[in-house]
C-alpha atoms as a PDB file:
ATOM      1  CA  UNK A   1      11.742  13.891 -49.490  1.00  0.00           C
ATOM      2  CA  UNK A   2      12.023  11.960 -46.695  1.00  0.00           C
ATOM      3  CA  UNK A   3      14.759  13.067 -44.355  1.00  0.00           C
ATOM      4  CA  UNK A   4      17.332  10.135 -42.969  1.00  0.00           C
ATOM      5  CA  UNK A   5      17.232   9.760 -39.240  1.00  0.00           C
ATOM      6  CA  UNK A   6      20.749  10.462 -37.485  1.00  0.00           C
ATOM      7  CA  UNK A   7      22.613   7.616 -36.751  1.00  0.00           C
ATOM      8  CA  UNK A   8      22.730   5.948 -33.334  1.00  0.00           C
ATOM      9  CA  UNK A   9      20.101   5.740 -30.826  1.00  0.00           C
ATOM     10  CA  UNK A  10      18.468   8.240 -28.433  1.00  0.00           C
ATOM     11  CA  UNK A  11      20.618   9.456 -25.216  1.00  0.00           C
ATOM     12  CA  UNK A  12      17.677   8.539 -23.042  1.00  0.00           C
ATOM     13  CA  UNK A  13      17.629   4.933 -24.402  1.00  0.00           C
ATOM     14  CA  UNK A  14      21.211   4.322 -24.241  1.00  0.00           C
ATOM     15  CA  UNK A  15      21.332   5.020 -20.646  1.00  0.00           C
ATOM     16  CA  UNK A  16      18.609   2.846 -20.091  1.00  0.00           C
ATOM     17  CA  UNK A  17      19.961   0.102 -21.864  1.00  0.00           C
ATOM     18  CA  UNK A  18      23.103   0.394 -19.724  1.00  0.00           C
ATOM     19  CA  UNK A  19      21.155  -0.084 -16.674  1.00  0.00           C
ATOM     20  CA  UNK A  20      21.467   3.165 -15.082  1.00  0.00           C
ATOM     21  CA  UNK A  21      17.863   4.143 -15.224  1.00  0.00           C
ATOM     22  CA  UNK A  22      14.758   4.023 -16.794  1.00  0.00           C
ATOM     23  CA  UNK A  23      14.012   5.920 -19.809  1.00  0.00           C
ATOM     24  CA  UNK A  24      12.066   8.604 -18.083  1.00  0.00           C
ATOM     25  CA  UNK A  25      14.650   8.786 -15.218  1.00  0.00           C
ATOM     26  CA  UNK A  26      17.377   9.264 -17.821  1.00  0.00           C
ATOM     27  CA  UNK A  27      15.409  12.229 -19.413  1.00  0.00           C
ATOM     28  CA  UNK A  28      15.023  13.726 -15.784  1.00  0.00           C
ATOM     29  CA  UNK A  29      19.007  13.302 -15.688  1.00  0.00           C
ATOM     30  CA  UNK A  30      19.308  15.150 -18.809  1.00  0.00           C
ATOM     31  CA  UNK A  31      17.059  18.200 -17.747  1.00  0.00           C
ATOM     32  CA  UNK A  32      19.148  18.619 -14.690  1.00  0.00           C
ATOM     33  CA  UNK A  33      22.518  18.930 -16.439  1.00  0.00           C
ATOM     34  CA  UNK A  34      23.762  15.683 -15.421  1.00  0.00           C
ATOM     35  CA  UNK A  35      24.547  13.946 -18.550  1.00  0.00           C
ATOM     36  CA  UNK A  36      27.422  15.081 -20.753  1.00  0.00           C
ATOM     37  CA  UNK A  37      28.401  13.838 -24.485  1.00  0.00           C
ATOM     38  CA  UNK A  38      31.755  14.503 -25.865  1.00  0.00           C
ATOM     39  CA  UNK A  39      32.790  16.850 -23.109  1.00  0.00           C
ATOM     40  CA  UNK A  40      29.524  18.979 -23.309  1.00  0.00           C
ATOM     41  CA  UNK A  41      26.762  19.127 -20.951  1.00  0.00           C
ATOM     42  CA  UNK A  42      23.307  18.600 -22.429  1.00  0.00           C
ATOM     43  CA  UNK A  43      20.035  19.515 -21.414  1.00  0.00           C
ATOM     44  CA  UNK A  44      17.790  17.772 -23.926  1.00  0.00           C
ATOM     45  CA  UNK A  45      17.079  14.199 -24.595  1.00  0.00           C
ATOM     46  CA  UNK A  46      16.644  14.735 -28.732  1.00  0.00           C
ATOM     47  CA  UNK A  47      20.102  13.738 -29.421  1.00  0.00           C
ATOM     48  CA  UNK A  48      21.389  10.472 -30.881  1.00  0.00           C
ATOM     49  CA  UNK A  49      24.544   8.891 -30.063  1.00  0.00           C
ATOM     50  CA  UNK A  50      26.724   6.106 -31.551  1.00  0.00           C
ATOM     51  CA  UNK A  51      29.283   3.960 -30.033  1.00  0.00           C
ATOM     52  CA  UNK A  52      31.840   6.368 -30.869  1.00  0.00           C
ATOM     53  CA  UNK A  53      30.421   9.014 -28.698  1.00  0.00           C
ATOM     54  CA  UNK A  54      31.982   9.473 -25.087  1.00  0.00           C
ATOM     55  CA  UNK A  55      28.589   9.597 -22.878  1.00  0.00           C
ATOM     56  CA  UNK A  56      29.525  10.584 -19.253  1.00  0.00           C
ATOM     57  CA  UNK A  57      26.649  10.722 -16.086  1.00  0.00           C
ATOM     58  CA  UNK A  58      27.546  12.201 -12.909  1.00  0.00           C
ATOM     59  CA  UNK A  59      30.961  12.331 -14.103  1.00  0.00           C
ATOM     60  CA  UNK A  60      31.289   8.759 -14.636  1.00  0.00           C
ATOM     61  CA  UNK A  61      31.712   7.361 -18.328  1.00  0.00           C
ATOM     62  CA  UNK A  62      28.947   5.398 -19.351  1.00  0.00           C
ATOM     63  CA  UNK A  63      29.478   1.600 -19.215  1.00  0.00           C
ATOM     64  CA  UNK A  64      28.373  -0.621 -22.334  1.00  0.00           C
ATOM     65  CA  UNK A  65      25.309  -2.527 -21.959  1.00  0.00           C
ATOM     66  CA  UNK A  66      24.634  -5.689 -20.410  1.00  0.00           C
ATOM     67  CA  UNK A  67      22.989  -8.351 -22.144  1.00  0.00           C
ATOM     68  CA  UNK A  68      19.051  -8.205 -21.539  1.00  0.00           C
ATOM     69  CA  UNK A  69      18.004 -10.669 -18.661  1.00  0.00           C
ATOM     70  CA  UNK A  70      14.807 -11.255 -17.389  1.00  0.00           C
ATOM     71  CA  UNK A  71      13.485 -12.943 -13.916  1.00  0.00           C
ATOM     72  CA  UNK A  72      10.642 -14.171 -12.415  1.00  0.00           C
ATOM     73  CA  UNK A  73       9.758 -12.658  -8.858  1.00  0.00           C
ATOM     74  CA  UNK A  74       6.939 -13.830  -6.677  1.00  0.00           C
ATOM     75  CA  UNK A  75       5.739 -10.736  -5.323  1.00  0.00           C
ATOM     76  CA  UNK A  76       4.284 -11.021  -1.671  1.00  0.00           C
ATOM     77  CA  UNK A  77       1.169  -8.954  -0.912  1.00  0.00           C
ATOM     78  CA  UNK A  78       1.840  -5.608   0.987  1.00  0.00           C
ATOM     79  CA  UNK A  79       4.767  -4.611  -1.035  1.00  0.00           C
ATOM     80  CA  UNK A  80       4.692  -1.449  -3.665  1.00  0.00           C
ATOM     81  CA  UNK A  81       5.684  -1.761  -7.058  1.00  0.00           C
ATOM     82  CA  UNK A  82       8.072   1.002  -7.271  1.00  0.00           C
ATOM     83  CA  UNK A  83      11.702   2.362  -6.623  1.00  0.00           C
ATOM     84  CA  UNK A  84      10.577   4.517  -4.260  1.00  0.00           C
ATOM     85  CA  UNK A  85       7.514   5.133  -1.777  1.00  0.00           C
ATOM     86  CA  UNK A  86       6.318   8.528  -0.733  1.00  0.00           C
ATOM     87  CA  UNK A  87       4.482   6.956   2.112  1.00  0.00           C
ATOM     88  CA  UNK A  88       7.768   4.977   3.303  1.00  0.00           C
ATOM     89  CA  UNK A  89       6.098   1.522   2.693  1.00  0.00           C
ATOM     90  CA  UNK A  90       8.314  -1.057   1.609  1.00  0.00           C
ATOM     91  CA  UNK A  91       8.727  -1.716  -2.102  1.00  0.00           C
ATOM     92  CA  UNK A  92       9.662  -4.878  -3.950  1.00  0.00           C
ATOM     93  CA  UNK A  93      13.250  -3.527  -4.629  1.00  0.00           C
ATOM     94  CA  UNK A  94      13.848  -3.442  -1.022  1.00  0.00           C
ATOM     95  CA  UNK A  95      13.505  -7.256  -0.846  1.00  0.00           C
ATOM     96  CA  UNK A  96      15.629  -8.517  -3.763  1.00  0.00           C
ATOM     97  CA  UNK A  97      18.559 -10.641  -3.634  1.00  0.00           C
ATOM     98  CA  UNK A  98      21.856  -8.310  -3.593  1.00  0.00           C
ATOM     99  CA  UNK A  99      23.460 -10.067  -6.265  1.00  0.00           C
ATOM    100  CA  UNK A 100      20.956  -8.662  -8.672  1.00  0.00           C
ATOM    101  CA  UNK A 101      22.092  -5.854 -10.805  1.00  0.00           C
ATOM    102  CA  UNK A 102      19.746  -2.485 -11.166  1.00  0.00           C
ATOM    103  CA  UNK A 103      15.928  -3.887 -12.304  1.00  0.00           C
ATOM    104  CA  UNK A 104      13.116  -2.518 -13.451  1.00  0.00           C
ATOM    105  CA  UNK A 105       9.492  -4.157 -13.312  1.00  0.00           C
ATOM    106  CA  UNK A 106       7.574  -5.208 -16.416  1.00  0.00           C
ATOM    107  CA  UNK A 107       4.059  -3.588 -15.295  1.00  0.00           C
ATOM    108  CA  UNK A 108       2.988  -3.653 -12.121  1.00  0.00           C
ATOM    109  CA  UNK A 109       0.984  -5.487  -9.532  1.00  0.00           C
ATOM    110  CA  UNK A 110      -0.892  -3.231  -6.726  1.00  0.00           C
ATOM    111  CA  UNK A 111      -0.317  -3.368  -2.854  1.00  0.00           C
ATOM    112  CA  UNK A 112      -2.807  -5.974  -2.245  1.00  0.00           C
ATOM    113  CA  UNK A 113      -1.910  -8.314  -5.387  1.00  0.00           C
ATOM    114  CA  UNK A 114       0.912 -11.125  -5.189  1.00  0.00           C
ATOM    115  CA  UNK A 115       1.977 -13.506  -7.565  1.00  0.00           C
ATOM    116  CA  UNK A 116       4.157 -13.329 -10.946  1.00  0.00           C
ATOM    117  CA  UNK A 117       6.244 -10.096 -11.482  1.00  0.00           C
ATOM    118  CA  UNK A 118       8.883  -9.933 -14.269  1.00  0.00           C
ATOM    119  CA  UNK A 119      11.885  -8.113 -13.377  1.00  0.00           C
ATOM    120  CA  UNK A 120      14.706  -6.892 -16.327  1.00  0.00           C
ATOM    121  CA  UNK A 121      17.964  -5.118 -16.363  1.00  0.00           C
ATOM    122  CA  UNK A 122      16.968  -3.757 -19.914  1.00  0.00           C
ATOM    123  CA  UNK A 123      14.653  -0.700 -20.664  1.00  0.00           C
ATOM    124  CA  UNK A 124      14.090  -1.886 -24.088  1.00  0.00           C
ATOM    125  CA  UNK A 125      13.085  -5.071 -23.259  1.00  0.00           C
ATOM    126  CA  UNK A 126      10.665  -3.723 -20.428  1.00  0.00           C
ATOM    127  CA  UNK A 127       8.780  -1.762 -22.895  1.00  0.00           C
ATOM    128  CA  UNK A 128       8.530  -4.506 -25.256  1.00  0.00           C
ATOM    129  CA  UNK A 129       7.004  -6.610 -22.884  1.00  0.00           C
ATOM    130  CA  UNK A 130       4.447  -3.957 -21.599  1.00  0.00           C
ATOM    131  CA  UNK A 131       3.185  -3.196 -25.019  1.00  0.00           C
ATOM    132  CA  UNK A 132      -0.355  -3.745 -25.784  1.00  0.00           C
ATOM    133  CA  UNK A 133       0.603  -5.098 -29.324  1.00  0.00           C
ATOM    134  CA  UNK A 134       2.679  -7.877 -27.733  1.00  0.00           C
ATOM    135  CA  UNK A 135      -0.874  -9.422 -26.915  1.00  0.00           C
ATOM    136  CA  UNK A 136       0.651 -11.855 -23.998  1.00  0.00           C
ATOM    137  CA  UNK A 137      -2.198 -13.526 -22.057  1.00  0.00           C
ATOM    138  CA  UNK A 138      -2.109 -12.926 -18.206  1.00  0.00           C
ATOM    139  CA  UNK A 139      -3.412 -15.204 -16.084  1.00  0.00           C
ATOM    140  CA  UNK A 140      -4.776 -14.443 -12.549  1.00  0.00           C
ATOM    141  CA  UNK A 141      -6.322 -16.623  -9.632  1.00  0.00           C
ATOM    142  CA  UNK A 142      -8.881 -14.643  -8.166  1.00  0.00           C
ATOM    143  CA  UNK A 143     -10.925 -14.911  -4.828  1.00  0.00           C
ATOM    144  CA  UNK A 144     -14.116 -12.873  -4.454  1.00  0.00           C
ATOM    145  CA  UNK A 145     -16.738 -12.856  -1.855  1.00  0.00           C
ATOM    146  CA  UNK A 146     -20.129 -13.908  -3.124  1.00  0.00           C
ATOM    147  CA  UNK A 147     -21.477 -16.688  -4.993  1.00  0.00           C
ATOM    148  CA  UNK A 148     -21.210 -15.807  -8.409  1.00  0.00           C
ATOM    149  CA  UNK A 149     -22.751 -18.145 -11.350  1.00  0.00           C
ATOM    150  CA  UNK A 150     -21.273 -18.298 -15.198  1.00  0.00           C
ATOM    151  CA  UNK A 151     -23.891 -15.864 -16.347  1.00  0.00           C
ATOM    152  CA  UNK A 152     -22.381 -13.233 -13.829  1.00  0.00           C
ATOM    153  CA  UNK A 153     -19.414 -13.079 -15.815  1.00  0.00           C
ATOM    154  CA  UNK A 154     -21.141 -12.323 -19.213  1.00  0.00           C
ATOM    155  CA  UNK A 155     -20.648  -8.633 -19.092  1.00  0.00           C
ATOM    156  CA  UNK A 156     -16.794  -9.320 -18.534  1.00  0.00           C
ATOM    157  CA  UNK A 157     -16.369 -11.452 -21.740  1.00  0.00           C
ATOM    158  CA  UNK A 158     -18.010  -9.084 -23.732  1.00  0.00           C
ATOM    159  CA  UNK A 159     -16.013  -6.048 -22.555  1.00  0.00           C
ATOM    160  CA  UNK A 160     -17.213  -3.290 -19.854  1.00  0.00           C
ATOM    161  CA  UNK A 161     -17.293   0.300 -20.031  1.00  0.00           C
ATOM    162  CA  UNK A 162     -16.595   1.514 -16.433  1.00  0.00           C
ATOM    163  CA  UNK A 163     -16.490   5.169 -15.630  1.00  0.00           C
ATOM    164  CA  UNK A 164     -16.023   6.086 -19.637  1.00  0.00           C
ATOM    165  CA  UNK A 165     -13.045   3.430 -19.770  1.00  0.00           C
ATOM    166  CA  UNK A 166     -13.524   0.587 -22.151  1.00  0.00           C
ATOM    167  CA  UNK A 167     -12.267  -3.074 -20.867  1.00  0.00           C
ATOM    168  CA  UNK A 168     -11.086  -5.581 -23.375  1.00  0.00           C
ATOM    169  CA  UNK A 169     -12.898  -8.856 -22.987  1.00  0.00           C
ATOM    170  CA  UNK A 170     -11.490 -11.195 -20.461  1.00  0.00           C
ATOM    171  CA  UNK A 171     -11.390 -14.843 -20.161  1.00  0.00           C
ATOM    172  CA  UNK A 172     -13.342 -15.790 -16.984  1.00  0.00           C
ATOM    173  CA  UNK A 173     -13.988 -19.263 -15.587  1.00  0.00           C
ATOM    174  CA  UNK A 174     -15.424 -20.278 -12.193  1.00  0.00           C
ATOM    175  CA  UNK A 175     -13.262 -22.725 -10.410  1.00  0.00           C
ATOM    176  CA  UNK A 176     -14.959 -23.125  -7.164  1.00  0.00           C
ATOM    177  CA  UNK A 177     -16.985 -22.065  -4.339  1.00  0.00           C
ATOM    178  CA  UNK A 178     -15.508 -22.197  -1.098  1.00  0.00           C
ATOM    179  CA  UNK A 179     -17.930 -20.990   1.863  1.00  0.00           C
ATOM    180  CA  UNK A 180     -18.521 -17.548   1.151  1.00  0.00           C
ATOM    181  CA  UNK A 181     -16.107 -17.311  -1.327  1.00  0.00           C
ATOM    182  CA  UNK A 182     -15.207 -18.235  -5.042  1.00  0.00           C
ATOM    183  CA  UNK A 183     -12.216 -18.898  -6.829  1.00  0.00           C
ATOM    184  CA  UNK A 184     -12.124 -17.829 -10.559  1.00  0.00           C
ATOM    185  CA  UNK A 185      -9.501 -17.729 -13.087  1.00  0.00           C
ATOM    186  CA  UNK A 186      -9.166 -14.722 -15.160  1.00  0.00           C
ATOM    187  CA  UNK A 187      -7.030 -14.013 -18.441  1.00  0.00           C
ATOM    188  CA  UNK A 188      -6.836 -10.498 -20.099  1.00  0.00           C
ATOM    189  CA  UNK A 189      -4.366  -9.034 -22.668  1.00  0.00           C
ATOM    190  CA  UNK A 190      -4.050  -5.366 -21.293  1.00  0.00           C
ATOM    191  CA  UNK A 191      -3.144  -4.135 -18.152  1.00  0.00           C
ATOM    192  CA  UNK A 192      -4.946  -1.132 -16.669  1.00  0.00           C
ATOM    193  CA  UNK A 193      -4.866   0.072 -13.124  1.00  0.00           C
ATOM    194  CA  UNK A 194      -6.720  -2.390 -10.732  1.00  0.00           C
ATOM    195  CA  UNK A 195      -8.391  -3.706 -13.935  1.00  0.00           C
ATOM    196  CA  UNK A 196      -9.728  -6.994 -12.381  1.00  0.00           C
ATOM    197  CA  UNK A 197     -10.811  -5.331  -9.140  1.00  0.00           C
ATOM    198  CA  UNK A 198     -12.979  -2.599 -10.697  1.00  0.00           C
ATOM    199  CA  UNK A 199     -14.230  -5.270 -13.159  1.00  0.00           C
ATOM    200  CA  UNK A 200     -15.642  -7.592 -10.102  1.00  0.00           C
ATOM    201  CA  UNK A 201     -16.716  -4.404  -8.494  1.00  0.00           C
ATOM    202  CA  UNK A 202     -18.990  -3.422 -11.500  1.00  0.00           C
ATOM    203  CA  UNK A 203     -20.682  -6.927 -11.487  1.00  0.00           C
ATOM    204  CA  UNK A 204     -21.100  -6.864  -7.418  1.00  0.00           C
ATOM    205  CA  UNK A 205     -18.144  -8.853  -6.484  1.00  0.00           C
ATOM    206  CA  UNK A 206     -15.346  -7.938  -4.087  1.00  0.00           C
ATOM    207  CA  UNK A 207     -11.880  -9.169  -4.665  1.00  0.00           C
ATOM    208  CA  UNK A 208     -10.242 -10.379  -1.702  1.00  0.00           C
ATOM    209  CA  UNK A 209      -7.195 -12.076  -3.007  1.00  0.00           C
ATOM    210  CA  UNK A 210      -5.599 -11.499  -6.377  1.00  0.00           C
ATOM    211  CA  UNK A 211      -2.612 -13.958  -7.543  1.00  0.00           C
ATOM    212  CA  UNK A 212      -1.021 -13.531 -11.092  1.00  0.00           C
ATOM    213  CA  UNK A 213      -0.014 -17.007 -11.865  1.00  0.00           C
ATOM    214  CA  UNK A 214       1.328 -16.355 -15.686  1.00  0.00           C
ATOM    215  CA  UNK A 215       2.549 -13.424 -18.039  1.00  0.00           C
ATOM    216  CA  UNK A 216       2.545 -14.911 -21.801  1.00  0.00           C
ATOM    217  CA  UNK A 217       4.931 -17.758 -21.621  1.00  0.00           C
ATOM    218  CA  UNK A 218       6.562 -17.011 -18.322  1.00  0.00           C
ATOM    219  CA  UNK A 219       4.622 -18.850 -15.236  1.00  0.00           C
ATOM    220  CA  UNK A 220       5.109 -18.711 -11.423  1.00  0.00           C
ATOM    221  CA  UNK A 221       4.806 -22.481 -10.845  1.00  0.00           C
ATOM    222  CA  UNK A 222       6.170 -23.427  -7.485  1.00  0.00           C
ATOM    223  CA  UNK A 223       8.072 -20.338  -6.864  1.00  0.00           C
ATOM    224  CA  UNK A 224       7.569 -18.999  -3.348  1.00  0.00           C
ATOM    225  CA  UNK A 225       6.741 -15.628  -2.069  1.00  0.00           C
ATOM    226  CA  UNK A 226       9.684 -13.404  -2.161  1.00  0.00           C
ATOM    227  CA  UNK A 227      11.949 -15.929  -4.501  1.00  0.00           C
ATOM    228  CA  UNK A 228      13.505 -15.177  -7.468  1.00  0.00           C
ATOM    229  CA  UNK A 229      14.391 -17.202 -10.696  1.00  0.00           C
ATOM    230  CA  UNK A 230      16.308 -16.073 -13.694  1.00  0.00           C
ATOM    231  CA  UNK A 231      15.002 -17.015 -17.275  1.00  0.00           C
ATOM    232  CA  UNK A 232      17.453 -19.188 -19.166  1.00  0.00           C
ATOM    233  CA  UNK A 233      19.490 -17.250 -22.082  1.00  0.00           C
ATOM    234  CA  UNK A 234      18.184 -20.055 -24.314  1.00  0.00           C
ATOM    235  CA  UNK A 235      14.594 -19.645 -23.179  1.00  0.00           C
ATOM    236  CA  UNK A 236      15.044 -15.575 -24.020  1.00  0.00           C
ATOM    237  CA  UNK A 237      16.200 -16.470 -27.291  1.00  0.00           C
ATOM    238  CA  UNK A 238      13.487 -18.984 -28.051  1.00  0.00           C
ATOM    239  CA  UNK A 239      10.822 -16.813 -26.902  1.00  0.00           C
ATOM    240  CA  UNK A 240      11.998 -13.391 -27.550  1.00  0.00           C
ATOM    241  CA  UNK A 241      14.439 -13.767 -30.206  1.00  0.00           C
ATOM    242  CA  UNK A 242      16.887 -12.026 -27.838  1.00  0.00           C
ATOM    243  CA  UNK A 243      19.854 -12.601 -29.420  1.00  0.00           C
ATOM    244  CA  UNK A 244      19.038  -9.594 -31.732  1.00  0.00           C
ATOM    245  CA  UNK A 245      18.986  -7.311 -28.935  1.00  0.00           C
ATOM    246  CA  UNK A 246      22.514  -8.723 -27.882  1.00  0.00           C
ATOM    247  CA  UNK A 247      24.291  -8.545 -30.917  1.00  0.00           C
ATOM    248  CA  UNK A 248      27.510  -6.921 -30.838  1.00  0.00           C
ATOM    249  CA  UNK A 249      27.788  -7.351 -27.141  1.00  0.00           C
ATOM    250  CA  UNK A 250      29.470 -10.598 -25.421  1.00  0.00           C
ATOM    251  CA  UNK A 251      26.712 -11.583 -22.959  1.00  0.00           C
ATOM    252  CA  UNK A 252      28.146 -12.288 -19.494  1.00  0.00           C
ATOM    253  CA  UNK A 253      27.121 -15.347 -17.654  1.00  0.00           C
ATOM    254  CA  UNK A 254      24.237 -15.026 -15.495  1.00  0.00           C
ATOM    255  CA  UNK A 255      24.721 -15.190 -11.757  1.00  0.00           C
ATOM    256  CA  UNK A 256      22.361 -17.414  -9.609  1.00  0.00           C
ATOM    257  CA  UNK A 257      20.236 -15.255  -7.702  1.00  0.00           C
ATOM    258  CA  UNK A 258      20.192 -16.023  -3.625  1.00  0.00           C
ATOM    259  CA  UNK A 259      16.790 -16.090  -2.396  1.00  0.00           C
ATOM    260  CA  UNK A 260      15.688 -13.792   0.125  1.00  0.00           C
ATOM    261  CA  UNK A 261      12.691 -14.151   2.250  1.00  0.00           C
ATOM    262  CA  UNK A 262      10.596 -10.917   2.201  1.00  0.00           C
ATOM    263  CA  UNK A 263      11.099  -8.291   4.975  1.00  0.00           C
ATOM    264  CA  UNK A 264       8.092  -7.828   7.329  1.00  0.00           C
ATOM    265  CA  UNK A 265       5.911  -4.642   6.377  1.00  0.00           C
ATOM    266  CA  UNK A 266       6.557  -1.697   7.655  1.00  0.00           C
END
């Protein structure tokens, strides 16, 4: 007989939905004894809670979650896509407008990559947009050193195996040759670590600039480096059916994000 799951959601998911931490960070907070449910400190995330349960984190009652929101951010080159960097380098979160709530990045762009980075206040939405099953095409404008021809990209279109790791086929188009460099447009549906740079190395090309221009239906367009733009609730509803995720919660009116120029690299 199939066992009926307990009502509610996992405690780490609830904390993430409230915008207080990512799910992984919430699990670490629980392990450190910083979370109490109905007056009792818990040490395991294997617990479901409902709206009737009283959750306290670091002595403060957990607030009801805001409606999921999504922002476009033009990440400049030279910023790390993490909340903290052990080497003390500037991160994307050091350069965001003060008016933004706590946000998480959807996926990553490495230090020397630039372009479109999606930001959200909702852990569930973050995971949903990162899932390979979402299948959204991500497009990049890539500048490489060399003079490739269309046949150079045949292995990329077929799917490479690099160091035992299989890459899915990529959409690759040669745009133009510009002196010693060539501009290429690449589309892919997965987000492996340094995937494009590793794939270009495998066919004898060196990437010297990489710009993500779109992520599924969301586009960089004319957004300048360091600028942030919130996706309208109507677009979220049309593209993601986001009203299901906010059911039961009044959606706050989004505040326009003040744009700030990126700080100088450290």
